[in-house]
Amino acid sequence: MKLTDDVAAPLPITWNEAFCSEGANCFRFGLDDAGRAYIGSTLTPDAYVSDSVEALRALISAVKAGAADHLL
């Protein structure tokens, strides 16, 4: 998994509509033409995490299963 900060993506990212909870905590999901998946925050639009769709699907599944509950 690659974390970028203020680095241009190799390909344009097509972002979905942001997912927001409690008004200000907004995240967005995107894909590029090569099939890489991205998760970013609307607060820092040039910073995002990118990896394969399969890797980010596994991350989201693990979070939904409680792997990050200790962070709450």
Protein backbone atom coordinates (compact mmCIF):
# COMPACT_ATOMS: atom_id res chain seq x y z
CA MET A 1 0.00 0.00 0.00
CA LYS A 2 1.33 3.40 -0.93
CA LEU A 3 0.64 6.61 0.99
CA THR A 4 1.08 9.78 -1.03
CA ASP A 5 1.10 13.38 0.07
CA ASP A 6 1.06 16.23 -2.42
CA VAL A 7 2.29 13.94 -5.22
CA ALA A 8 0.41 13.82 -8.49
CA ALA A 9 -1.15 10.50 -9.42
CA PRO A 10 0.36 8.79 -12.46
CA LEU A 11 -3.13 8.74 -14.03
CA PRO A 12 -6.17 10.92 -13.41
CA ILE A 13 -8.31 9.63 -10.54
CA THR A 14 -12.08 9.43 -10.94
CA TRP A 15 -13.46 10.09 -7.45
CA ASN A 16 -16.88 8.95 -6.23
CA GLU A 17 -19.06 11.32 -4.24
CA ALA A 18 -17.59 11.81 -0.77
CA PHE A 19 -18.88 9.70 2.12
CA CYS A 20 -19.42 11.94 5.14
CA SER A 21 -20.36 11.25 8.74
CA GLU A 22 -21.08 13.95 11.29
CA GLY A 23 -20.84 16.62 8.61
CA ALA A 24 -17.10 17.24 8.47
CA ASN A 25 -15.46 13.79 8.40
CA CYS A 26 -15.55 13.06 4.66
CA PHE A 27 -13.72 10.35 2.77
CA ARG A 28 -13.82 9.54 -0.92
CA PHE A 29 -13.04 6.51 -3.01
CA GLY A 30 -11.61 6.58 -6.51
CA LEU A 31 -10.20 4.58 -9.39
CA ASP A 32 -7.73 5.39 -12.13
CA ASP A 33 -7.63 4.05 -15.69
CA ALA A 34 -5.13 1.35 -14.67
CA GLY A 35 -7.58 -0.07 -12.11
CA ARG A 36 -5.79 1.16 -8.97
CA ALA A 37 -8.06 2.10 -6.08
CA TYR A 38 -7.72 5.21 -3.90
CA ILE A 39 -9.06 6.38 -0.53
CA GLY A 40 -8.70 10.05 0.32
CA SER A 41 -10.01 12.73 2.64
CA THR A 42 -11.80 15.82 1.40
CA LEU A 43 -9.78 17.87 3.92
CA THR A 44 -6.50 17.05 2.14
CA PRO A 45 -7.41 16.37 -1.50
CA ASP A 46 -3.82 15.74 -2.62
CA ALA A 47 -3.18 13.05 0.01
CA TYR A 48 -4.52 9.54 -0.44
CA VAL A 49 -3.80 5.86 0.00
CA SER A 50 -3.60 3.76 -3.16
CA ASP A 51 -3.29 0.06 -3.87
CA SER A 52 -4.96 -2.61 -5.94
CA VAL A 53 -8.73 -2.90 -5.74
CA GLU A 54 -8.28 -6.30 -4.08
CA ALA A 55 -5.97 -4.92 -1.37
CA LEU A 56 -8.27 -2.02 -0.51
CA ARG A 57 -11.28 -4.38 -0.56
CA ALA A 58 -9.44 -6.55 2.01
CA LEU A 59 -8.65 -3.46 4.11
CA ILE A 60 -12.27 -2.32 4.13
CA SER A 61 -13.47 -5.84 4.99
CA ALA A 62 -11.01 -6.03 7.89
CA VAL A 63 -12.11 -2.64 9.22
CA LYS A 64 -15.77 -3.67 8.96
CA ALA A 65 -14.91 -6.88 10.86
CA GLY A 66 -13.46 -4.85 13.74
CA ALA A 67 -9.72 -4.87 13.04
CA ALA A 68 -9.52 -1.13 13.72
CA ASP A 69 -11.98 -0.94 16.63
CA HIS A 70 -9.13 -0.23 19.04
CA LEU A 71 -8.63 3.12 17.26
CA LEU A 72 -12.13 4.30 18.15
